[in-house]
Amino acid sequence: MKSPVIKRSIVIAGHKTSVSLEDAFWKGLKDIAGDREMTLSNLVASIDTDRRHGNLSSAIRLFVLDHYRTLTGEERRLSGGRVEGRHEGGGDLIGVRAAPSMMRVD
């Protein structure tokens, strides 16, 4: 079975490095860079500079997750608590609505 994680090369701060990311995180990272009118390299360099621990791939995943969590929180505040679970591109992001519990408590 092929791994959904893909190794990608990128130049940050003048040095070539590689990160291993799933397509969803890579696309999210590219979308964030575009929204901020930054190059992908500059955004990754910023993430690299700000990370406290862990490897760069993990730092990127956490950055993308935090970005979309923040957006979801802002959407909830603006919409009075309802979020549809889609980002501007129209694709599913991550589940933002919890499914009703299937467990019964007696």
PDB file of N, CA and C in Angstrom:
ATOM      1  N   MET A   1       0.847  -1.182   0.000  1.00  0.00           N
ATOM      2  CA  MET A   1       0.000   0.000   0.000  1.00  0.00           C
ATOM      3  C   MET A   1       0.886   1.236   0.000  1.00  0.00           C
ATOM      4  N   LYS A   2       0.583   2.163  -0.875  1.00  0.00           N
ATOM      5  CA  LYS A   2       1.369   3.376  -1.000  1.00  0.00           C
ATOM      6  C   LYS A   2       1.018   4.364   0.117  1.00  0.00           C
ATOM      7  N   SER A   3       2.038   4.975   0.703  1.00  0.00           N
ATOM      8  CA  SER A   3       1.830   5.946   1.774  1.00  0.00           C
ATOM      9  C   SER A   3       1.269   7.247   1.208  1.00  0.00           C
ATOM     10  N   PRO A   4       0.305   7.863   1.905  1.00  0.00           N
ATOM     11  CA  PRO A   4      -0.221   9.149   1.441  1.00  0.00           C
ATOM     12  C   PRO A   4       0.745  10.312   1.717  1.00  0.00           C
ATOM     13  N   VAL A   5       1.841  10.027   2.401  1.00  0.00           N
ATOM     14  CA  VAL A   5       2.825  11.058   2.705  1.00  0.00           C
ATOM     15  C   VAL A   5       3.813  11.131   1.554  1.00  0.00           C
ATOM     16  N   ILE A   6       4.030  12.332   1.039  1.00  0.00           N
ATOM     17  CA  ILE A   6       4.929  12.540  -0.097  1.00  0.00           C
ATOM     18  C   ILE A   6       6.072  13.438   0.330  1.00  0.00           C
ATOM     19  N   LYS A   7       7.280  13.052  -0.033  1.00  0.00           N
ATOM     20  CA  LYS A   7       8.447  13.872   0.266  1.00  0.00           C
ATOM     21  C   LYS A   7       8.556  14.948  -0.809  1.00  0.00           C
ATOM     22  N   ARG A   8       8.685  16.187  -0.373  1.00  0.00           N
ATOM     23  CA  ARG A   8       8.756  17.337  -1.289  1.00  0.00           C
ATOM     24  C   ARG A   8       9.984  18.163  -0.950  1.00  0.00           C
ATOM     25  N   SER A   9      10.635  18.665  -1.984  1.00  0.00           N
ATOM     26  CA  SER A   9      11.822  19.504  -1.793  1.00  0.00           C
ATOM     27  C   SER A   9      11.427  20.966  -1.854  1.00  0.00           C
ATOM     28  N   ILE A  10      12.083  21.760  -1.028  1.00  0.00           N
ATOM     29  CA  ILE A  10      11.820  23.203  -0.986  1.00  0.00           C
ATOM     30  C   ILE A  10      13.098  23.905  -0.549  1.00  0.00           C
ATOM     31  N   VAL A  11      13.285  25.121  -1.035  1.00  0.00           N
ATOM     32  CA  VAL A  11      14.446  25.925  -0.639  1.00  0.00           C
ATOM     33  C   VAL A  11      13.978  26.952   0.376  1.00  0.00           C
ATOM     34  N   ILE A  12      14.600  26.903   1.565  1.00  0.00           N
ATOM     35  CA  ILE A  12      14.299  27.908   2.583  1.00  0.00           C
ATOM     36  C   ILE A  12      15.609  28.509   3.060  1.00  0.00           C
ATOM     37  N   ALA A  13      15.612  29.808   3.163  1.00  0.00           N
ATOM     38  CA  ALA A  13      16.803  30.551   3.608  1.00  0.00           C
ATOM     39  C   ALA A  13      18.033  30.135   2.804  1.00  0.00           C
ATOM     40  N   GLY A  14      17.828  29.903   1.508  1.00  0.00           N
ATOM     41  CA  GLY A  14      18.945  29.578   0.623  1.00  0.00           C
ATOM     42  C   GLY A  14      19.433  28.143   0.692  1.00  0.00           C
ATOM     43  N   HIS A  15      18.769  27.304   1.467  1.00  0.00           N
ATOM     44  CA  HIS A  15      19.177  25.903   1.613  1.00  0.00           C
ATOM     45  C   HIS A  15      18.045  24.988   1.169  1.00  0.00           C
ATOM     46  N   LYS A  16      18.397  23.972   0.386  1.00  0.00           N
ATOM     47  CA  LYS A  16      17.401  23.002  -0.054  1.00  0.00           C
ATOM     48  C   LYS A  16      17.151  22.013   1.081  1.00  0.00           C
ATOM     49  N   THR A  17      15.875  21.764   1.339  1.00  0.00           N
ATOM     50  CA  THR A  17      15.498  20.787   2.352  1.00  0.00           C
ATOM     51  C   THR A  17      14.281  20.031   1.844  1.00  0.00           C
ATOM     52  N   SER A  18      13.901  19.006   2.537  1.00  0.00           N
ATOM     53  CA  SER A  18      12.711  18.264   2.136  1.00  0.00           C
ATOM     54  C   SER A  18      11.787  18.106   3.334  1.00  0.00           C
ATOM     55  N   VAL A  19      10.516  18.044   3.022  1.00  0.00           N
ATOM     56  CA  VAL A  19       9.493  17.810   4.028  1.00  0.00           C
ATOM     57  C   VAL A  19       8.600  16.689   3.525  1.00  0.00           C
ATOM     58  N   SER A  20       8.073  15.920   4.428  1.00  0.00           N
ATOM     59  CA  SER A  20       7.162  14.836   4.079  1.00  0.00           C
ATOM     60  C   SER A  20       5.771  15.207   4.563  1.00  0.00           C
ATOM     61  N   LEU A  21       4.875  15.449   3.603  1.00  0.00           N
ATOM     62  CA  LEU A  21       3.523  15.904   3.933  1.00  0.00           C
ATOM     63  C   LEU A  21       2.480  15.216   3.078  1.00  0.00           C
ATOM     64  N   GLU A  22       1.311  15.058   3.636  1.00  0.00           N
ATOM     65  CA  GLU A  22       0.168  14.581   2.883  1.00  0.00           C
ATOM     66  C   GLU A  22      -0.291  15.700   1.944  1.00  0.00           C
ATOM     67  N   ASP A  23      -0.963  15.313   0.857  1.00  0.00           N
ATOM     68  CA  ASP A  23      -1.437  16.302  -0.122  1.00  0.00           C
ATOM     69  C   ASP A  23      -2.307  17.387   0.501  1.00  0.00           C
ATOM     70  N   ALA A  24      -3.175  17.018   1.435  1.00  0.00           N
ATOM     71  CA  ALA A  24      -4.078  18.003   2.042  1.00  0.00           C
ATOM     72  C   ALA A  24      -3.294  19.092   2.774  1.00  0.00           C
ATOM     73  N   PHE A  25      -2.235  18.709   3.486  1.00  0.00           N
ATOM     74  CA  PHE A  25      -1.432  19.707   4.195  1.00  0.00           C
ATOM     75  C   PHE A  25      -0.632  20.549   3.210  1.00  0.00           C
ATOM     76  N   TRP A  26      -0.116  19.940   2.150  1.00  0.00           N
ATOM     77  CA  TRP A  26       0.645  20.682   1.145  1.00  0.00           C
ATOM     78  C   TRP A  26      -0.257  21.704   0.456  1.00  0.00           C
ATOM     79  N   LYS A  27      -1.467  21.286   0.073  1.00  0.00           N
ATOM     80  CA  LYS A  27      -2.407  22.202  -0.570  1.00  0.00           C
ATOM     81  C   LYS A  27      -2.807  23.318   0.390  1.00  0.00           C
ATOM     82  N   GLY A  28      -3.074  22.965   1.640  1.00  0.00           N
ATOM     83  CA  GLY A  28      -3.418  23.981   2.631  1.00  0.00           C
ATOM     84  C   GLY A  28      -2.305  24.994   2.808  1.00  0.00           C
ATOM     85  N   LEU A  29      -1.075  24.515   2.841  1.00  0.00           N
ATOM     86  CA  LEU A  29       0.085  25.400   2.986  1.00  0.00           C
ATOM     87  C   LEU A  29       0.191  26.341   1.794  1.00  0.00           C
ATOM     88  N   LYS A  30       0.004  25.804   0.587  1.00  0.00           N
ATOM     89  CA  LYS A  30       0.059  26.637  -0.621  1.00  0.00           C
ATOM     90  C   LYS A  30      -1.062  27.674  -0.622  1.00  0.00           C
ATOM     91  N   ASP A  31      -2.256  27.280  -0.188  1.00  0.00           N
ATOM     92  CA  ASP A  31      -3.386  28.212  -0.122  1.00  0.00           C
ATOM     93  C   ASP A  31      -3.111  29.344   0.868  1.00  0.00           C
ATOM     94  N   ILE A  32      -2.550  29.002   2.018  1.00  0.00           N
ATOM     95  CA  ILE A  32      -2.232  30.011   3.031  1.00  0.00           C
ATOM     96  C   ILE A  32      -1.187  30.988   2.482  1.00  0.00           C
ATOM     97  N   ALA A  33      -0.163  30.462   1.845  1.00  0.00           N
ATOM     98  CA  ALA A  33       0.872  31.330   1.256  1.00  0.00           C
ATOM     99  C   ALA A  33       0.249  32.277   0.235  1.00  0.00           C
ATOM    100  N   GLY A  34      -0.629  31.760  -0.605  1.00  0.00           N
ATOM    101  CA  GLY A  34      -1.299  32.603  -1.596  1.00  0.00           C
ATOM    102  C   GLY A  34      -2.166  33.669  -0.957  1.00  0.00           C
ATOM    103  N   ASP A  35      -2.922  33.283   0.075  1.00  0.00           N
ATOM    104  CA  ASP A  35      -3.777  34.245   0.777  1.00  0.00           C
ATOM    105  C   ASP A  35      -2.953  35.364   1.411  1.00  0.00           C
ATOM    106  N   ARG A  36      -1.762  35.023   1.865  1.00  0.00           N
ATOM    107  CA  ARG A  36      -0.888  36.009   2.517  1.00  0.00           C
ATOM    108  C   ARG A  36       0.037  36.712   1.526  1.00  0.00           C
ATOM    109  N   GLU A  37      -0.120  36.365   0.245  1.00  0.00           N
ATOM    110  CA  GLU A  37       0.722  36.922  -0.813  1.00  0.00           C
ATOM    111  C   GLU A  37       2.209  36.735  -0.502  1.00  0.00           C
ATOM    112  N   MET A  38       2.534  35.508  -0.083  1.00  0.00           N
ATOM    113  CA  MET A  38       3.904  35.124   0.240  1.00  0.00           C
ATOM    114  C   MET A  38       4.302  33.966  -0.671  1.00  0.00           C
ATOM    115  N   THR A  39       5.595  33.820  -0.863  1.00  0.00           N
ATOM    116  CA  THR A  39       6.043  32.615  -1.546  1.00  0.00           C
ATOM    117  C   THR A  39       5.959  31.456  -0.563  1.00  0.00           C
ATOM    118  N   LEU A  40       5.830  30.274  -1.109  1.00  0.00           N
ATOM    119  CA  LEU A  40       5.804  29.082  -0.274  1.00  0.00           C
ATOM    120  C   LEU A  40       7.102  28.971   0.525  1.00  0.00           C
ATOM    121  N   SER A  41       8.213  29.276  -0.114  1.00  0.00           N
ATOM    122  CA  SER A  41       9.514  29.220   0.569  1.00  0.00           C
ATOM    123  C   SER A  41       9.572  30.175   1.756  1.00  0.00           C
ATOM    124  N   ASN A  42       9.072  31.388   1.573  1.00  0.00           N
ATOM    125  CA  ASN A  42       9.090  32.358   2.675  1.00  0.00           C
ATOM    126  C   ASN A  42       8.184  31.927   3.826  1.00  0.00           C
ATOM    127  N   LEU A  43       7.025  31.357   3.496  1.00  0.00           N
ATOM    128  CA  LEU A  43       6.131  30.892   4.549  1.00  0.00           C
ATOM    129  C   LEU A  43       6.766  29.735   5.325  1.00  0.00           C
ATOM    130  N   VAL A  44       7.367  28.798   4.615  1.00  0.00           N
ATOM    131  CA  VAL A  44       8.007  27.666   5.286  1.00  0.00           C
ATOM    132  C   VAL A  44       9.195  28.142   6.115  1.00  0.00           C
ATOM    133  N   ALA A  45       9.939  29.128   5.614  1.00  0.00           N
ATOM    134  CA  ALA A  45      11.062  29.682   6.387  1.00  0.00           C
ATOM    135  C   ALA A  45      10.548  30.297   7.686  1.00  0.00           C
ATOM    136  N   SER A  46       9.414  30.971   7.624  1.00  0.00           N
ATOM    137  CA  SER A  46       8.820  31.570   8.817  1.00  0.00           C
ATOM    138  C   SER A  46       8.393  30.492   9.816  1.00  0.00           C
ATOM    139  N   ILE A  47       7.773  29.435   9.320  1.00  0.00           N
ATOM    140  CA  ILE A  47       7.372  28.322  10.183  1.00  0.00           C
ATOM    141  C   ILE A  47       8.604  27.691  10.818  1.00  0.00           C
ATOM    142  N   ASP A  48       9.655  27.519  10.025  1.00  0.00           N
ATOM    143  CA  ASP A  48      10.898  26.918  10.515  1.00  0.00           C
ATOM    144  C   ASP A  48      11.510  27.763  11.626  1.00  0.00           C
ATOM    145  N   THR A  49      11.512  29.077  11.451  1.00  0.00           N
ATOM    146  CA  THR A  49      12.069  29.990  12.449  1.00  0.00           C
ATOM    147  C   THR A  49      11.277  29.964  13.743  1.00  0.00           C
ATOM    148  N   ASP A  50       9.954  29.871  13.631  1.00  0.00           N
ATOM    149  CA  ASP A  50       9.080  29.953  14.802  1.00  0.00           C
ATOM    150  C   ASP A  50       8.895  28.632  15.547  1.00  0.00           C
ATOM    151  N   ARG A  51       9.298  27.521  14.955  1.00  0.00           N
ATOM    152  CA  ARG A  51       9.021  26.234  15.619  1.00  0.00           C
ATOM    153  C   ARG A  51       9.858  26.073  16.877  1.00  0.00           C
ATOM    154  N   ARG A  52       9.252  25.449  17.864  1.00  0.00           N
ATOM    155  CA  ARG A  52       9.897  25.278  19.170  1.00  0.00           C
ATOM    156  C   ARG A  52      10.569  23.919  19.291  1.00  0.00           C
ATOM    157  N   HIS A  53       9.961  22.900  18.722  1.00  0.00           N
ATOM    158  CA  HIS A  53      10.508  21.552  18.796  1.00  0.00           C
ATOM    159  C   HIS A  53       9.881  20.722  17.683  1.00  0.00           C
ATOM    160  N   GLY A  54      10.367  19.527  17.499  1.00  0.00           N
ATOM    161  CA  GLY A  54       9.838  18.661  16.453  1.00  0.00           C
ATOM    162  C   GLY A  54      10.482  18.968  15.118  1.00  0.00           C
ATOM    163  N   ASN A  55      10.164  18.145  14.145  1.00  0.00           N
ATOM    164  CA  ASN A  55      10.752  18.360  12.827  1.00  0.00           C
ATOM    165  C   ASN A  55       9.912  19.335  12.005  1.00  0.00           C
ATOM    166  N   LEU A  56      10.451  19.763  10.887  1.00  0.00           N
ATOM    167  CA  LEU A  56       9.792  20.776  10.067  1.00  0.00           C
ATOM    168  C   LEU A  56       8.461  20.275   9.515  1.00  0.00           C
ATOM    169  N   SER A  57       8.404  19.029   9.105  1.00  0.00           N
ATOM    170  CA  SER A  57       7.140  18.487   8.584  1.00  0.00           C
ATOM    171  C   SER A  57       6.037  18.571   9.636  1.00  0.00           C
ATOM    172  N   SER A  58       6.348  18.211  10.860  1.00  0.00           N
ATOM    173  CA  SER A  58       5.370  18.301  11.945  1.00  0.00           C
ATOM    174  C   SER A  58       4.981  19.745  12.212  1.00  0.00           C
ATOM    175  N   ALA A  59       5.954  20.638  12.191  1.00  0.00           N
ATOM    176  CA  ALA A  59       5.678  22.058  12.422  1.00  0.00           C
ATOM    177  C   ALA A  59       4.736  22.605  11.351  1.00  0.00           C
ATOM    178  N   ILE A  60       4.921  22.171  10.108  1.00  0.00           N
ATOM    179  CA  ILE A  60       4.043  22.623   9.022  1.00  0.00           C
ATOM    180  C   ILE A  60       2.625  22.098   9.238  1.00  0.00           C
ATOM    181  N   ARG A  61       2.497  20.827   9.595  1.00  0.00           N
ATOM    182  CA  ARG A  61       1.166  20.273   9.846  1.00  0.00           C
ATOM    183  C   ARG A  61       0.454  21.037  10.957  1.00  0.00           C
ATOM    184  N   LEU A  62       1.162  21.311  12.044  1.00  0.00           N
ATOM    185  CA  LEU A  62       0.568  22.042  13.156  1.00  0.00           C
ATOM    186  C   LEU A  62       0.201  23.468  12.755  1.00  0.00           C
ATOM    187  N   PHE A  63       1.028  24.107  11.934  1.00  0.00           N
ATOM    188  CA  PHE A  63       0.753  25.450  11.454  1.00  0.00           C
ATOM    189  C   PHE A  63      -0.533  25.470  10.623  1.00  0.00           C
ATOM    190  N   VAL A  64      -0.651  24.533   9.683  1.00  0.00           N
ATOM    191  CA  VAL A  64      -1.842  24.478   8.828  1.00  0.00           C
ATOM    192  C   VAL A  64      -3.082  24.179   9.666  1.00  0.00           C
ATOM    193  N   LEU A  65      -2.977  23.221  10.575  1.00  0.00           N
ATOM    194  CA  LEU A  65      -4.098  22.897  11.457  1.00  0.00           C
ATOM    195  C   LEU A  65      -4.525  24.108  12.273  1.00  0.00           C
ATOM    196  N   ASP A  66      -3.565  24.808  12.852  1.00  0.00           N
ATOM    197  CA  ASP A  66      -3.864  25.992  13.653  1.00  0.00           C
ATOM    198  C   ASP A  66      -4.525  27.079  12.807  1.00  0.00           C
ATOM    199  N   HIS A  67      -4.028  27.251  11.588  1.00  0.00           N
ATOM    200  CA  HIS A  67      -4.601  28.262  10.688  1.00  0.00           C
ATOM    201  C   HIS A  67      -6.089  27.989  10.450  1.00  0.00           C
ATOM    202  N   TYR A  68      -6.428  26.754  10.104  1.00  0.00           N
ATOM    203  CA  TYR A  68      -7.819  26.435   9.810  1.00  0.00           C
ATOM    204  C   TYR A  68      -8.684  26.372  11.063  1.00  0.00           C
ATOM    205  N   ARG A  69      -8.104  25.993  12.195  1.00  0.00           N
ATOM    206  CA  ARG A  69      -8.855  26.056  13.454  1.00  0.00           C
ATOM    207  C   ARG A  69      -9.206  27.499  13.785  1.00  0.00           C
ATOM    208  N   THR A  70      -8.267  28.390  13.578  1.00  0.00           N
ATOM    209  CA  THR A  70      -8.514  29.811  13.836  1.00  0.00           C
ATOM    210  C   THR A  70      -9.614  30.329  12.913  1.00  0.00           C
ATOM    211  N   LEU A  71      -9.552  29.959  11.631  1.00  0.00           N
ATOM    212  CA  LEU A  71     -10.604  30.370  10.695  1.00  0.00           C
ATOM    213  C   LEU A  71     -11.959  29.833  11.119  1.00  0.00           C
ATOM    214  N   THR A  72     -11.998  28.593  11.537  1.00  0.00           N
ATOM    215  CA  THR A  72     -13.244  27.982  11.973  1.00  0.00           C
ATOM    216  C   THR A  72     -13.798  28.717  13.184  1.00  0.00           C
ATOM    217  N   GLY A  73     -12.930  29.069  14.123  1.00  0.00           N
ATOM    218  CA  GLY A  73     -13.365  29.819  15.297  1.00  0.00           C
ATOM    219  C   GLY A  73     -13.919  31.178  14.925  1.00  0.00           C
ATOM    220  N   GLU A  74     -13.286  31.862  13.964  1.00  0.00           N
ATOM    221  CA  GLU A  74     -13.772  33.167  13.523  1.00  0.00           C
ATOM    222  C   GLU A  74     -15.118  33.019  12.830  1.00  0.00           C
ATOM    223  N   GLU A  75     -15.266  31.987  11.996  1.00  0.00           N
ATOM    224  CA  GLU A  75     -16.534  31.759  11.310  1.00  0.00           C
ATOM    225  C   GLU A  75     -17.645  31.480  12.313  1.00  0.00           C
ATOM    226  N   ARG A  76     -17.332  30.728  13.356  1.00  0.00           N
ATOM    227  CA  ARG A  76     -18.349  30.433  14.374  1.00  0.00           C
ATOM    228  C   ARG A  76     -18.793  31.706  15.078  1.00  0.00           C
ATOM    229  N   ARG A  77     -17.827  32.569  15.401  1.00  0.00           N
ATOM    230  CA  ARG A  77     -18.186  33.822  16.070  1.00  0.00           C
ATOM    231  C   ARG A  77     -19.050  34.687  15.158  1.00  0.00           C
ATOM    232  N   LEU A  78     -18.723  34.741  13.878  1.00  0.00           N
ATOM    233  CA  LEU A  78     -19.466  35.586  12.944  1.00  0.00           C
ATOM    234  C   LEU A  78     -20.841  35.017  12.588  1.00  0.00           C
ATOM    235  N   SER A  79     -20.962  33.693  12.616  1.00  0.00           N
ATOM    236  CA  SER A  79     -22.219  33.074  12.193  1.00  0.00           C
ATOM    237  C   SER A  79     -23.093  32.646  13.359  1.00  0.00           C
ATOM    238  N   GLY A  80     -22.681  32.962  14.554  1.00  0.00           N
ATOM    239  CA  GLY A  80     -23.486  32.596  15.708  1.00  0.00           C
ATOM    240  C   GLY A  80     -23.364  31.132  16.099  1.00  0.00           C
ATOM    241  N   GLY A  81     -22.273  30.503  15.708  1.00  0.00           N
ATOM    242  CA  GLY A  81     -22.023  29.137  16.158  1.00  0.00           C
ATOM    243  C   GLY A  81     -22.103  28.060  15.100  1.00  0.00           C
ATOM    244  N   ARG A  82     -22.620  28.367  13.909  1.00  0.00           N
ATOM    245  CA  ARG A  82     -22.723  27.348  12.862  1.00  0.00           C
ATOM    246  C   ARG A  82     -21.597  27.489  11.862  1.00  0.00           C
ATOM    247  N   VAL A  83     -20.984  26.376  11.527  1.00  0.00           N
ATOM    248  CA  VAL A  83     -19.934  26.342  10.507  1.00  0.00           C
ATOM    249  C   VAL A  83     -20.264  25.201   9.572  1.00  0.00           C
ATOM    250  N   GLU A  84     -20.165  25.458   8.293  1.00  0.00           N
ATOM    251  CA  GLU A  84     -20.545  24.450   7.316  1.00  0.00           C
ATOM    252  C   GLU A  84     -19.477  23.398   7.063  1.00  0.00           C
ATOM    253  N   GLY A  85     -18.207  23.634   7.462  1.00  0.00           N
ATOM    254  CA  GLY A  85     -17.197  22.610   7.284  1.00  0.00           C
ATOM    255  C   GLY A  85     -16.487  22.649   5.946  1.00  0.00           C
ATOM    256  N   ARG A  86     -16.557  23.782   5.259  1.00  0.00           N
ATOM    257  CA  ARG A  86     -15.869  23.931   3.973  1.00  0.00           C
ATOM    258  C   ARG A  86     -15.074  25.216   3.983  1.00  0.00           C
ATOM    259  N   HIS A  87     -13.941  25.207   3.295  1.00  0.00           N
ATOM    260  CA  HIS A  87     -13.143  26.418   3.174  1.00  0.00           C
ATOM    261  C   HIS A  87     -13.429  27.072   1.832  1.00  0.00           C
ATOM    262  N   GLU A  88     -12.818  28.207   1.554  1.00  0.00           N
ATOM    263  CA  GLU A  88     -13.115  28.974   0.349  1.00  0.00           C
ATOM    264  C   GLU A  88     -13.047  28.152  -0.928  1.00  0.00           C
ATOM    265  N   GLY A  89     -12.111  27.226  -1.001  1.00  0.00           N
ATOM    266  CA  GLY A  89     -11.961  26.415  -2.195  1.00  0.00           C
ATOM    267  C   GLY A  89     -13.117  25.460  -2.418  1.00  0.00           C
ATOM    268  N   GLY A  90     -13.979  25.296  -1.413  1.00  0.00           N
ATOM    269  CA  GLY A  90     -15.157  24.483  -1.564  1.00  0.00           C
ATOM    270  C   GLY A  90     -14.980  23.032  -1.167  1.00  0.00           C
ATOM    271  N   GLY A  91     -13.766  22.594  -0.937  1.00  0.00           N
ATOM    272  CA  GLY A  91     -13.531  21.199  -0.571  1.00  0.00           C
ATOM    273  C   GLY A  91     -13.667  20.986   0.920  1.00  0.00           C
ATOM    274  N   ASP A  92     -13.876  19.740   1.297  1.00  0.00           N
ATOM    275  CA  ASP A  92     -13.945  19.436   2.717  1.00  0.00           C
ATOM    276  C   ASP A  92     -12.603  19.669   3.363  1.00  0.00           C
ATOM    277  N   LEU A  93     -12.622  20.237   4.531  1.00  0.00           N
ATOM    278  CA  LEU A  93     -11.395  20.491   5.270  1.00  0.00           C
ATOM    279  C   LEU A  93     -11.218  19.367   6.265  1.00  0.00           C
ATOM    280  N   ILE A  94     -11.659  19.577   7.445  1.00  0.00           N
ATOM    281  CA  ILE A  94     -11.676  18.531   8.465  1.00  0.00           C
ATOM    282  C   ILE A  94     -13.041  18.592   9.100  1.00  0.00           C
ATOM    283  N   GLY A  95     -13.450  17.534   9.726  1.00  0.00           N
ATOM    284  CA  GLY A  95     -14.772  17.539  10.348  1.00  0.00           C
ATOM    285  C   GLY A  95     -14.871  18.608  11.398  1.00  0.00           C
ATOM    286  N   VAL A  96     -15.785  19.534  11.220  1.00  0.00           N
ATOM    287  CA  VAL A  96     -15.942  20.593  12.205  1.00  0.00           C
ATOM    288  C   VAL A  96     -17.226  20.424  13.007  1.00  0.00           C
ATOM    289  N   ARG A  97     -18.051  19.500  12.599  1.00  0.00           N
ATOM    290  CA  ARG A  97     -19.261  19.201  13.352  1.00  0.00           C
ATOM    291  C   ARG A  97     -19.152  17.797  13.890  1.00  0.00           C
ATOM    292  N   ALA A  98     -19.377  17.650  15.144  1.00  0.00           N
ATOM    293  CA  ALA A  98     -19.316  16.312  15.727  1.00  0.00           C
ATOM    294  C   ALA A  98     -20.586  15.554  15.377  1.00  0.00           C
ATOM    295  N   ALA A  99     -20.417  14.296  15.036  1.00  0.00           N
ATOM    296  CA  ALA A  99     -21.569  13.446  14.782  1.00  0.00           C
ATOM    297  C   ALA A  99     -22.254  13.125  16.104  1.00  0.00           C
ATOM    298  N   PRO A 100     -23.559  12.943  16.086  1.00  0.00           N
ATOM    299  CA  PRO A 100     -24.244  12.588  17.330  1.00  0.00           C
ATOM    300  C   PRO A 100     -23.694  11.275  17.857  1.00  0.00           C
ATOM    301  N   SER A 101     -23.631  11.187  19.133  1.00  0.00           N
ATOM    302  CA  SER A 101     -23.083   9.992  19.770  1.00  0.00           C
ATOM    303  C   SER A 101     -23.982   8.795  19.505  1.00  0.00           C
ATOM    304  N   MET A 102     -23.350   7.662  19.217  1.00  0.00           N
ATOM    305  CA  MET A 102     -24.093   6.431  18.991  1.00  0.00           C
ATOM    306  C   MET A 102     -24.162   5.605  20.283  1.00  0.00           C
ATOM    307  N   MET A 103     -23.548   6.094  21.328  1.00  0.00           N
ATOM    308  CA  MET A 103     -23.517   5.335  22.577  1.00  0.00           C
ATOM    309  C   MET A 103     -24.678   5.768  23.462  1.00  0.00           C
ATOM    310  N   ARG A 104     -25.244   4.788  24.134  1.00  0.00           N
ATOM    311  CA  ARG A 104     -26.303   5.074  25.089  1.00  0.00           C
ATOM    312  C   ARG A 104     -25.767   4.977  26.493  1.00  0.00           C
ATOM    313  N   VAL A 105     -26.150   5.906  27.291  1.00  0.00           N
ATOM    314  CA  VAL A 105     -25.782   5.850  28.700  1.00  0.00           C
ATOM    315  C   VAL A 105     -27.042   5.542  29.469  1.00  0.00           C
ATOM    316  N   ASP A 106     -27.052   4.438  30.183  1.00  0.00           N
ATOM    317  CA  ASP A 106     -28.238   4.073  30.976  1.00  0.00           C
ATOM    318  C   ASP A 106     -28.087   4.485  32.393  1.00  0.00           C
TER     319      ASP A 106
END
